[in-house]
């Protein structure tokens, strides 16, 4: 380094000066130094000091120049972004349901806290936020400053290389999240999104139908009755025999494969193994599909497709409606509670209850998940400071997360919220059951499965849906259908 050599040079000059002055001095016993000699010493010392001063000034200027041109680190950029009071326009792409949650809870508080940020929302269907963001990334223009999308769509966006690295910004918050949840946002140790909500899966059940079948209807008893998939089937058979009603909807011809994925997830079975090889034709997956098939064989399911009008009727019909009879149960994520209350089954307040989902085997895991969403900032964002301020306010503030959860039933990923008194409050819709504590318990026990943290989720899920349909319709055995699905995935993705 040049400055090191300069400082060494300066040191040598100062040492020489000291020796020179020492040599010119004398003891008290010696003759006084002549005036001319003293003058020479002073002049020489002045020359040495001037040279030393010049060296110091040159070194200082060179060091300052090198510091000035040094590239800022990611941590420095993060600190600067977090510290500045952001302003300007913030364009957010989001589905309407998410925006509604903000508007009905803490959005006005955000506007008050950040009066110089101008918000603009563009609404898309859930899957379209990611689709449109992907097109913008590939085209290099036209994207949002901030987006909210489903976990299953995050990894494909990351693979396109257009999502901002927020790892330094999350340093103070990582400990507040379950590691497996953060994994949906992470690739090679880099975080690209901030989790908002998750969908811990439970068994929703109709109290009135269980009672009509001569069964207990309290949550603990029902949880015991559906302790495993085998005992769940036995309970469904009892309900069918005693009431003539089906246990749950499960379409054959257009099945989405969601229940199969739920059953796989609780066993820790993913779409791929640690080496990236396709696993959906493995024996344990075949056994899981065959187990689902037992419910069709027992004729205890309706054939109505998820998110269709007949499916809504399954969930909201009165127990004595002979034309469109209801179903007794539904294994679905916690966010379903809000849909029951607001528009799918508002007439059944007090009739629905919540129990644990069945385990694959006695004493096994009774937890899985589906759905959930996260915030991401595109690299091309024109206002990343405002985007981060919005994320911190909405997703990383304990009180704001609780407020959103109380309104929406979107179960929060911020684990500090689980200690809030809200989680101990009874829920009138579910017969004053304390449901949130159950959801929190399930959320803490969801096993890791390589499902959402894959860029090929949509490809595999589509192939699995086709496999379920072929099996349900009797076109193929479970083994044949899943092998065909695995071959399709390998062909489309190039994975082993």
Protein backbone atom coordinates (compact mmCIF):
# COMPACT_ATOMS: atom_id res chain seq x y z
CA UNK A 1 0.00 0.00 0.00
CA UNK A 2 1.30 3.48 -0.91
CA UNK A 3 0.16 5.02 2.36
CA UNK A 4 2.14 2.43 4.35
CA UNK A 5 5.35 3.41 2.54
CA UNK A 6 4.59 7.09 3.12
CA UNK A 7 4.09 6.56 6.84
CA UNK A 8 7.36 4.60 6.99
CA UNK A 9 9.10 7.48 5.23
CA UNK A 10 7.59 9.94 7.69
CA UNK A 11 8.72 7.83 10.62
CA UNK A 12 12.31 7.75 9.32
CA UNK A 13 12.34 11.56 8.98
CA UNK A 14 11.11 12.06 12.53
CA UNK A 15 13.69 9.61 13.89
CA UNK A 16 16.44 11.39 11.96
CA UNK A 17 15.27 14.71 13.35
CA UNK A 18 15.46 13.39 16.91
CA UNK A 19 18.98 12.08 16.39
CA UNK A 20 20.07 15.34 14.78
CA UNK A 21 18.80 17.43 17.69
CA UNK A 22 20.36 15.06 20.18
CA UNK A 23 23.70 15.28 18.43
CA UNK A 24 23.67 19.06 18.51
CA UNK A 25 22.94 19.26 22.22
CA UNK A 26 25.56 18.98 24.95
CA UNK A 27 25.92 18.42 28.63
CA UNK A 28 25.91 21.24 31.13
CA UNK A 29 29.73 20.89 31.46
CA UNK A 30 30.36 21.66 27.79
CA UNK A 31 30.83 25.06 26.24
CA UNK A 32 27.61 26.84 25.09
CA UNK A 33 26.66 26.23 21.50
CA UNK A 34 27.44 29.06 19.17
CA UNK A 35 24.51 31.17 17.97
CA UNK A 36 25.32 30.30 14.36
CA UNK A 37 25.11 26.57 15.12
CA UNK A 38 21.76 26.99 16.90
CA UNK A 39 20.38 28.91 13.95
CA UNK A 40 21.44 26.13 11.60
CA UNK A 41 19.76 23.55 13.77
CA UNK A 42 16.48 25.48 13.82
CA UNK A 43 16.56 25.94 10.04
CA UNK A 44 17.26 22.26 9.48
CA UNK A 45 14.48 21.28 11.87
CA UNK A 46 12.04 23.56 10.04
CA UNK A 47 12.91 21.89 6.74
CA UNK A 48 12.35 18.45 8.26
CA UNK A 49 8.97 19.47 9.78
CA UNK A 50 7.82 20.97 6.47
CA UNK A 51 8.72 17.76 4.62
CA UNK A 52 6.96 15.64 7.25
CA UNK A 53 3.83 17.83 7.08
CA UNK A 54 3.74 17.47 3.28
CA UNK A 55 3.96 13.69 3.58
CA UNK A 56 1.11 13.61 6.13
CA UNK A 57 -1.12 15.79 3.93
CA UNK A 58 -0.42 13.63 0.86
CA UNK A 59 -1.19 10.40 2.75
CA UNK A 60 -4.41 11.89 4.18
CA UNK A 61 -5.60 12.96 0.72
CA UNK A 62 -4.85 9.54 -0.81
CA UNK A 63 -6.65 7.65 1.96
CA UNK A 64 -9.65 9.98 1.72
CA UNK A 65 -9.83 9.45 -2.05
CA UNK A 66 -9.70 5.66 -1.68
CA UNK A 67 -12.43 5.66 1.00
CA UNK A 68 -14.61 7.91 -1.15
CA UNK A 69 -14.61 5.52 -4.11
CA UNK A 70 -15.11 2.34 -2.06
CA UNK A 71 -18.31 0.48 -3.07
CA UNK A 72 -20.99 0.40 -0.33
CA UNK A 73 -21.71 -3.04 1.13
CA UNK A 74 -25.14 -4.67 1.10
CA UNK A 75 -25.32 -4.04 4.85
CA UNK A 76 -24.55 -0.34 4.37
CA UNK A 77 -27.21 -0.04 1.68
CA UNK A 78 -29.71 -1.79 3.93
CA UNK A 79 -28.95 0.53 6.85
CA UNK A 80 -29.30 3.59 4.65
CA UNK A 81 -32.57 2.34 3.16
CA UNK A 82 -34.02 1.52 6.56
CA UNK A 83 -32.90 4.80 8.14
CA UNK A 84 -34.21 7.27 5.55
CA UNK A 85 -37.80 8.52 5.77
CA UNK A 86 -39.14 7.30 2.42
CA UNK A 87 -41.37 9.29 0.11
CA UNK A 88 -42.71 9.18 -3.42
CA UNK A 89 -44.97 6.79 -5.27
CA UNK A 90 -45.25 3.13 -4.25
CA UNK A 91 -46.86 0.82 -6.82
CA UNK A 92 -48.14 -2.42 -5.24
CA UNK A 93 -49.37 -5.49 -7.11
CA UNK A 94 -51.65 -7.58 -4.93
CA UNK A 95 -54.84 -9.61 -4.98
CA UNK A 96 -57.94 -7.73 -3.86
CA UNK A 97 -58.46 -9.89 -0.77
CA UNK A 98 -55.04 -8.90 0.61
CA UNK A 99 -55.66 -5.23 -0.09
CA UNK A 100 -59.02 -5.46 1.68
CA UNK A 101 -57.26 -6.68 4.82
CA UNK A 102 -54.97 -3.65 4.83
CA UNK A 103 -57.80 -1.23 4.16
CA UNK A 104 -59.95 -2.64 6.93
CA UNK A 105 -57.19 -2.66 9.53
CA UNK A 106 -53.99 -0.60 9.55
CA UNK A 107 -53.60 1.04 6.14
CA UNK A 108 -54.71 4.45 7.42
CA UNK A 109 -52.16 4.15 10.22
CA UNK A 110 -49.46 3.53 7.63
CA UNK A 111 -50.52 6.62 5.69
CA UNK A 112 -50.34 8.67 8.85
CA UNK A 113 -46.88 7.33 9.68
CA UNK A 114 -45.60 7.89 6.11
CA UNK A 115 -47.50 10.90 4.75
CA UNK A 116 -45.04 11.42 1.90
CA UNK A 117 -45.63 7.98 0.36
CA UNK A 118 -48.27 7.87 -2.37
CA UNK A 119 -49.84 4.40 -2.64
CA UNK A 120 -51.15 2.91 -5.87
CA UNK A 121 -52.63 -0.60 -6.02
CA UNK A 122 -53.08 -2.91 -9.00
CA UNK A 123 -55.21 -6.00 -8.32
CA UNK A 124 -54.69 -9.40 -9.89
CA UNK A 125 -56.00 -12.91 -9.28
CA UNK A 126 -53.75 -14.81 -6.80
CA UNK A 127 -51.69 -16.61 -9.43
CA UNK A 128 -51.56 -13.60 -11.75
CA UNK A 129 -49.49 -11.40 -9.43
CA UNK A 130 -46.53 -13.73 -9.94
CA UNK A 131 -47.27 -14.34 -13.62
CA UNK A 132 -47.33 -10.63 -14.43
CA UNK A 133 -44.31 -9.91 -12.25
CA UNK A 134 -42.42 -12.67 -14.07
CA UNK A 135 -43.26 -11.15 -17.44
CA UNK A 136 -42.08 -7.74 -16.20
CA UNK A 137 -38.81 -9.23 -14.95
CA UNK A 138 -38.18 -10.98 -18.25
CA UNK A 139 -39.09 -7.88 -20.23
CA UNK A 140 -37.03 -5.60 -18.01
CA UNK A 141 -39.81 -3.05 -17.48
CA UNK A 142 -43.31 -2.44 -16.22
CA UNK A 143 -43.17 -4.20 -12.86
CA UNK A 144 -44.31 -3.05 -9.41
CA UNK A 145 -42.30 -1.52 -6.60
CA UNK A 146 -43.71 -4.16 -4.25
CA UNK A 147 -45.64 -7.39 -4.76
CA UNK A 148 -47.55 -9.91 -2.64
CA UNK A 149 -47.94 -13.44 -3.95
CA UNK A 150 -48.35 -17.04 -2.87
CA UNK A 151 -45.34 -18.97 -1.54
CA UNK A 152 -45.63 -21.50 -4.33
CA UNK A 153 -44.90 -18.72 -6.85
CA UNK A 154 -41.90 -17.18 -5.09
CA UNK A 155 -39.21 -19.64 -6.20
CA UNK A 156 -40.06 -19.30 -9.92
CA UNK A 157 -39.65 -15.51 -9.56
CA UNK A 158 -36.34 -15.95 -7.76
CA UNK A 159 -35.10 -18.23 -10.54
CA UNK A 160 -35.67 -15.38 -13.02
CA UNK A 161 -33.13 -13.27 -11.13
CA UNK A 162 -35.33 -10.22 -10.73
CA UNK A 163 -36.06 -10.21 -6.99
CA UNK A 164 -34.14 -8.01 -4.56
CA UNK A 165 -31.85 -9.56 -1.93
CA UNK A 166 -33.29 -8.46 1.43
CA UNK A 167 -31.04 -10.59 3.65
CA UNK A 168 -29.41 -7.62 5.47
CA UNK A 169 -32.81 -6.00 6.04
CA UNK A 170 -34.09 -9.16 7.71
CA UNK A 171 -31.21 -9.53 10.17
CA UNK A 172 -33.23 -8.13 13.07
CA UNK A 173 -36.34 -10.19 12.25
CA UNK A 174 -35.21 -13.67 11.22
CA UNK A 175 -35.46 -15.03 14.75
CA UNK A 176 -39.20 -14.24 14.74
CA UNK A 177 -39.91 -16.75 11.98
CA UNK A 178 -39.98 -20.51 11.76
CA UNK A 179 -36.95 -21.62 9.74
CA UNK A 180 -39.04 -23.83 7.47
CA UNK A 181 -41.32 -20.89 6.63
CA UNK A 182 -38.33 -18.69 5.79
CA UNK A 183 -37.11 -21.49 3.50
CA UNK A 184 -39.90 -20.60 1.05
CA UNK A 185 -38.20 -17.22 0.63
CA UNK A 186 -34.62 -18.43 0.53
CA UNK A 187 -32.21 -19.69 -2.11
CA UNK A 188 -28.55 -20.44 -1.40
CA UNK A 189 -28.70 -18.62 1.92
CA UNK A 190 -30.17 -15.44 0.41
CA UNK A 191 -33.61 -14.15 1.45
CA UNK A 192 -35.83 -12.73 -1.25
CA UNK A 193 -39.22 -12.32 0.44
CA UNK A 194 -40.89 -11.66 3.79
CA UNK A 195 -43.56 -14.15 4.93
CA UNK A 196 -47.01 -12.72 5.72
CA UNK A 197 -49.31 -15.65 6.47
CA UNK A 198 -49.45 -19.44 6.35
CA UNK A 199 -52.23 -22.01 6.20
CA UNK A 200 -51.92 -24.63 8.97
CA UNK A 201 -54.36 -27.42 8.04
CA UNK A 202 -57.13 -28.57 10.39
CA UNK A 203 -60.37 -30.55 10.26
CA UNK A 204 -63.44 -28.33 10.12
CA UNK A 205 -66.56 -30.22 11.17
CA UNK A 206 -70.31 -29.63 11.49
CA UNK A 207 -71.37 -30.00 15.12
CA UNK A 208 -75.03 -30.46 14.16
CA UNK A 209 -74.25 -33.31 11.76
CA UNK A 210 -72.06 -35.13 14.28
CA UNK A 211 -74.82 -34.84 16.85
CA UNK A 212 -77.40 -36.11 14.36
CA UNK A 213 -75.16 -39.15 13.81
CA UNK A 214 -75.12 -39.79 17.56
CA UNK A 215 -71.51 -38.65 17.91
CA UNK A 216 -69.92 -36.20 20.34
CA UNK A 217 -69.40 -32.75 18.88
CA UNK A 218 -66.84 -31.08 21.15
CA UNK A 219 -63.42 -30.40 19.56
CA UNK A 220 -61.48 -32.83 21.72
CA UNK A 221 -63.83 -35.73 21.03
CA UNK A 222 -63.89 -35.03 17.31
CA UNK A 223 -60.09 -34.79 17.24
CA UNK A 224 -59.99 -38.26 18.79
CA UNK A 225 -62.51 -39.59 16.27
CA UNK A 226 -60.35 -38.41 13.35
CA UNK A 227 -57.00 -39.24 14.99
CA UNK A 228 -55.80 -41.12 11.89
CA UNK A 229 -56.98 -41.39 8.30
CA UNK A 230 -58.30 -44.86 9.13
CA UNK A 231 -60.35 -43.62 12.09
CA UNK A 232 -61.46 -40.65 9.98
CA UNK A 233 -62.86 -43.11 7.44
CA UNK A 234 -64.62 -45.03 10.22
CA UNK A 235 -66.21 -41.79 11.44
CA UNK A 236 -67.29 -40.89 7.91
CA UNK A 237 -68.93 -44.32 7.55
CA UNK A 238 -70.85 -43.79 10.78
CA UNK A 239 -72.08 -40.38 9.62
CA UNK A 240 -73.17 -41.80 6.26
CA UNK A 241 -74.99 -44.73 7.88
CA UNK A 242 -76.76 -42.60 10.49
CA UNK A 243 -77.60 -39.48 8.47
CA UNK A 244 -77.11 -40.35 4.80
CA UNK A 245 -74.77 -37.33 4.49
CA UNK A 246 -71.35 -37.32 2.88
CA UNK A 247 -68.21 -36.66 4.88
CA UNK A 248 -66.39 -34.21 2.63
CA UNK A 249 -66.29 -33.07 -1.02
CA UNK A 250 -63.68 -34.73 -3.26
CA UNK A 251 -64.21 -34.45 -6.98
CA UNK A 252 -62.85 -37.16 -9.27
CA UNK A 253 -62.76 -35.87 -12.85
CA UNK A 254 -61.18 -32.45 -12.15
CA UNK A 255 -59.50 -33.04 -8.81
CA UNK A 256 -56.80 -30.46 -7.98
CA UNK A 257 -54.78 -32.93 -5.89
CA UNK A 258 -54.79 -30.59 -2.87
CA UNK A 259 -55.85 -33.19 -0.32
CA UNK A 260 -53.17 -35.58 -1.56
CA UNK A 261 -50.52 -32.84 -1.16
CA UNK A 262 -51.82 -32.17 2.37
CA UNK A 263 -51.44 -35.86 3.22
CA UNK A 264 -47.92 -35.97 1.76
CA UNK A 265 -46.79 -32.81 3.52
CA UNK A 266 -47.74 -34.10 6.97
CA UNK A 267 -45.47 -37.10 6.33
CA UNK A 268 -42.59 -34.83 5.30
CA UNK A 269 -42.83 -36.13 1.73
CA UNK A 270 -41.99 -33.54 -0.91
CA UNK A 271 -41.92 -33.40 -4.67
CA UNK A 272 -38.16 -33.92 -4.80
CA UNK A 273 -35.45 -35.33 -2.56
CA UNK A 274 -32.32 -33.53 -1.31
CA UNK A 275 -30.53 -34.33 -4.55
CA UNK A 276 -33.30 -32.85 -6.70
CA UNK A 277 -34.67 -36.20 -7.91
CA UNK A 278 -38.43 -36.57 -8.47
CA UNK A 279 -40.10 -38.55 -5.67
CA UNK A 280 -43.80 -38.50 -6.54
CA UNK A 281 -43.79 -42.13 -7.78
CA UNK A 282 -42.15 -43.48 -4.61
CA UNK A 283 -43.98 -46.27 -2.72
CA UNK A 284 -45.05 -44.02 0.16
CA UNK A 285 -46.73 -41.63 -2.30
CA UNK A 286 -48.52 -44.55 -3.95
CA UNK A 287 -49.75 -45.69 -0.53
CA UNK A 288 -51.02 -42.18 0.23
CA UNK A 289 -53.02 -41.96 -2.99
CA UNK A 290 -54.46 -45.42 -2.33
CA UNK A 291 -55.51 -44.27 1.17
CA UNK A 292 -57.38 -41.34 -0.37
CA UNK A 293 -58.99 -43.82 -2.74
CA UNK A 294 -60.51 -45.71 0.19
CA UNK A 295 -62.84 -42.76 0.83
CA UNK A 296 -64.09 -42.91 -2.76
CA UNK A 297 -64.55 -46.67 -2.52
CA UNK A 298 -66.57 -46.24 0.67
CA UNK A 299 -68.81 -43.70 -1.09
CA UNK A 300 -68.56 -41.12 1.70
CA UNK A 301 -67.61 -38.10 -0.45
CA UNK A 302 -69.55 -35.70 -2.64
CA UNK A 303 -68.28 -35.14 -6.16
CA UNK A 304 -68.31 -31.36 -6.03
CA UNK A 305 -65.21 -29.47 -7.14
CA UNK A 306 -63.41 -27.04 -4.84
CA UNK A 307 -64.34 -23.38 -5.27
CA UNK A 308 -67.47 -24.08 -7.32
CA UNK A 309 -71.07 -23.18 -6.45
CA UNK A 310 -72.01 -26.78 -5.57
CA UNK A 311 -68.97 -26.92 -3.26
CA UNK A 312 -70.13 -23.77 -1.47
CA UNK A 313 -73.54 -25.38 -1.05
CA UNK A 314 -71.88 -28.47 0.46
CA UNK A 315 -70.47 -26.23 3.19
CA UNK A 316 -73.43 -23.94 3.85
CA UNK A 317 -76.55 -26.07 3.38
CA UNK A 318 -78.86 -26.72 6.32
CA UNK A 319 -78.78 -30.23 7.72
CA UNK A 320 -82.34 -30.92 6.56
CA UNK A 321 -81.88 -29.69 2.99
CA UNK A 322 -82.69 -32.79 0.94
CA UNK A 323 -82.13 -31.16 -2.45
CA UNK A 324 -78.61 -29.96 -1.68
CA UNK A 325 -77.45 -31.74 1.48
CA UNK A 326 -74.35 -30.54 3.37
CA UNK A 327 -71.12 -32.36 4.12
CA UNK A 328 -69.91 -33.07 7.63
CA UNK A 329 -66.22 -32.14 7.47
CA UNK A 330 -63.49 -30.41 5.49
CA UNK A 331 -59.70 -30.73 5.93
CA UNK A 332 -58.47 -27.29 4.94
CA UNK A 333 -56.12 -24.48 6.05
CA UNK A 334 -56.85 -22.00 8.85
CA UNK A 335 -57.57 -19.12 6.46
CA UNK A 336 -60.74 -20.99 5.47
CA UNK A 337 -62.30 -19.72 8.69
CA UNK A 338 -62.63 -16.23 7.27
CA UNK A 339 -64.33 -17.52 4.13
CA UNK A 340 -66.78 -19.54 6.20
CA UNK A 341 -67.70 -16.47 8.22
CA UNK A 342 -67.96 -13.91 5.46
CA UNK A 343 -69.33 -15.50 2.31
CA UNK A 344 -69.20 -19.30 2.03
CA UNK A 345 -71.16 -20.39 5.10
CA UNK A 346 -72.27 -17.38 7.13
CA UNK A 347 -75.62 -19.04 7.86
CA UNK A 348 -73.90 -21.84 9.76
CA UNK A 349 -72.46 -19.74 12.59
CA UNK A 350 -72.18 -21.89 15.68
CA UNK A 351 -72.48 -25.14 13.74
CA UNK A 352 -68.89 -25.44 12.52
CA UNK A 353 -66.09 -26.51 14.87
CA UNK A 354 -62.34 -27.07 14.49
CA UNK A 355 -60.38 -30.26 15.25
CA UNK A 356 -56.90 -31.51 14.44
CA UNK A 357 -56.39 -33.11 11.04
CA UNK A 358 -55.88 -36.90 10.90
CA UNK A 359 -52.39 -38.33 11.32
CA UNK A 360 -50.92 -40.74 8.80
CA UNK A 361 -50.38 -43.24 11.61
CA UNK A 362 -51.32 -43.44 15.27
CA UNK A 363 -49.41 -40.84 17.28
CA UNK A 364 -48.02 -39.24 14.13
CA UNK A 365 -47.90 -35.63 12.99
CA UNK A 366 -51.30 -33.95 12.79
CA UNK A 367 -50.13 -30.90 10.92
CA UNK A 368 -49.76 -29.80 7.34
CA UNK A 369 -50.24 -26.57 5.46
CA UNK A 370 -51.51 -25.05 2.26
CA UNK A 371 -51.45 -21.53 0.90
CA UNK A 372 -50.02 -18.45 2.49
CA UNK A 373 -48.35 -15.40 0.98
CA UNK A 374 -45.25 -13.23 1.11
CA UNK A 375 -43.98 -9.77 0.18
CA UNK A 376 -41.24 -9.32 -2.42
CA UNK A 377 -39.41 -6.30 -3.88
CA UNK A 378 -38.36 -6.51 -7.55
CA UNK A 379 -34.81 -5.42 -8.34
CA UNK A 380 -36.32 -2.92 -10.78
CA UNK A 381 -38.39 -1.24 -8.04
CA UNK A 382 -38.18 2.54 -8.36
CA UNK A 383 -38.85 3.01 -4.65
CA UNK A 384 -37.38 0.14 -2.60
CA UNK A 385 -37.16 2.37 0.50
CA UNK A 386 -40.92 2.89 0.54
CA UNK A 387 -41.48 -0.79 -0.26
CA UNK A 388 -39.43 -1.85 2.76
CA UNK A 389 -41.21 0.65 4.99
CA UNK A 390 -44.53 -0.88 3.94
CA UNK A 391 -43.28 -4.41 4.66
CA UNK A 392 -41.93 -3.46 8.08
CA UNK A 393 -45.20 -1.80 9.01
CA UNK A 394 -47.53 -4.52 7.74
CA UNK A 395 -45.60 -7.76 8.21
CA UNK A 396 -42.93 -7.15 10.86
CA UNK A 397 -44.82 -5.16 13.47
CA UNK A 398 -46.43 -7.35 16.14
CA UNK A 399 -49.52 -5.21 16.80
CA UNK A 400 -50.20 -4.62 13.11
CA UNK A 401 -49.95 -8.34 12.35
CA UNK A 402 -52.40 -9.11 15.16
CA UNK A 403 -54.85 -6.50 13.87
CA UNK A 404 -54.77 -8.01 10.39
CA UNK A 405 -55.19 -11.53 11.74
CA UNK A 406 -58.14 -10.57 13.93
CA UNK A 407 -59.93 -9.27 10.84
CA UNK A 408 -58.93 -11.81 8.21
CA UNK A 409 -57.98 -15.17 9.80
CA UNK A 410 -54.80 -15.05 7.69
CA UNK A 411 -52.64 -16.87 10.19
CA UNK A 412 -49.50 -14.79 10.89
CA UNK A 413 -45.96 -16.07 10.42
CA UNK A 414 -44.53 -13.65 12.99
CA UNK A 415 -44.24 -15.99 15.97
CA UNK A 416 -44.20 -13.18 18.52
CA UNK A 417 -47.90 -12.64 17.77
CA UNK A 418 -48.82 -16.02 19.23
CA UNK A 419 -48.48 -14.67 22.76
CA UNK A 420 -51.08 -11.98 22.12
CA UNK A 421 -54.33 -12.24 24.17
CA UNK A 422 -56.23 -12.52 20.88
CA UNK A 423 -55.11 -16.15 20.63
CA UNK A 424 -56.96 -16.98 23.85
CA UNK A 425 -60.24 -15.38 22.84
CA UNK A 426 -63.28 -17.51 21.92
CA UNK A 427 -64.51 -17.37 18.33
CA UNK A 428 -68.30 -16.90 18.15
CA UNK A 429 -68.57 -18.34 14.65
CA UNK A 430 -67.08 -21.63 15.86
CA UNK A 431 -69.35 -21.93 18.88
CA UNK A 432 -67.05 -19.85 21.09
CA UNK A 433 -64.24 -22.35 20.60
CA UNK A 434 -60.71 -21.01 21.21
CA UNK A 435 -59.54 -21.84 17.71
CA UNK A 436 -56.43 -19.69 17.39
CA UNK A 437 -54.50 -21.63 20.02
CA UNK A 438 -55.19 -24.79 18.01
CA UNK A 439 -54.00 -23.13 14.79
CA UNK A 440 -50.82 -21.97 16.52
CA UNK A 441 -50.13 -25.47 17.79
CA UNK A 442 -50.58 -26.90 14.30
CA UNK A 443 -48.38 -24.18 12.78
CA UNK A 444 -45.56 -25.09 15.14
CA UNK A 445 -45.65 -28.75 14.12
CA UNK A 446 -45.79 -28.58 10.32
CA UNK A 447 -42.93 -30.79 9.10
CA UNK A 448 -40.55 -29.70 6.39
CA UNK A 449 -41.36 -31.03 2.93
CA UNK A 450 -39.75 -29.99 -0.33
CA UNK A 451 -42.91 -28.56 -1.90
CA UNK A 452 -43.20 -24.77 -1.95
CA UNK A 453 -39.46 -24.14 -2.04
CA UNK A 454 -39.20 -25.44 -5.60
CA UNK A 455 -39.37 -23.48 -8.81
CA UNK A 456 -41.30 -26.39 -10.33
CA UNK A 457 -44.25 -26.41 -7.93
CA UNK A 458 -46.86 -25.67 -10.59
CA UNK A 459 -45.47 -28.33 -12.94
CA UNK A 460 -45.49 -31.04 -10.26
CA UNK A 461 -48.85 -30.03 -8.80
CA UNK A 462 -50.39 -30.18 -12.26
CA UNK A 463 -48.95 -33.64 -12.91
CA UNK A 464 -50.17 -34.86 -9.51
CA UNK A 465 -53.67 -33.54 -10.19
CA UNK A 466 -53.77 -35.52 -13.43
CA UNK A 467 -52.56 -38.61 -11.57
CA UNK A 468 -55.32 -38.25 -8.96
CA UNK A 469 -57.93 -37.87 -11.69
CA UNK A 470 -56.72 -40.93 -13.62
CA UNK A 471 -56.72 -43.01 -10.45
CA UNK A 472 -60.09 -41.73 -9.20
CA UNK A 473 -61.78 -42.46 -12.53
CA UNK A 474 -60.33 -45.94 -12.67
CA UNK A 475 -58.18 -45.25 -15.72
CA UNK A 476 -54.95 -46.27 -13.98
CA UNK A 477 -53.75 -47.82 -10.74
CA UNK A 478 -52.21 -45.47 -8.21
CA UNK A 479 -48.75 -46.75 -9.11
CA UNK A 480 -49.32 -46.32 -12.86
CA UNK A 481 -50.81 -42.84 -12.47
CA UNK A 482 -47.98 -41.57 -10.29
CA UNK A 483 -45.29 -43.09 -12.49
CA UNK A 484 -46.83 -41.32 -15.46
CA UNK A 485 -46.84 -38.07 -13.46
CA UNK A 486 -43.19 -38.49 -12.48
CA UNK A 487 -42.19 -39.12 -16.09
CA UNK A 488 -44.05 -35.97 -17.13
CA UNK A 489 -42.23 -33.88 -14.53
CA UNK A 490 -38.84 -35.24 -15.55
CA UNK A 491 -39.55 -34.51 -19.18
CA UNK A 492 -40.73 -30.94 -18.54
CA UNK A 493 -38.11 -29.93 -15.98
CA UNK A 494 -35.05 -31.98 -16.89
CA UNK A 495 -34.75 -33.22 -13.31
CA UNK A 496 -33.69 -36.83 -12.60
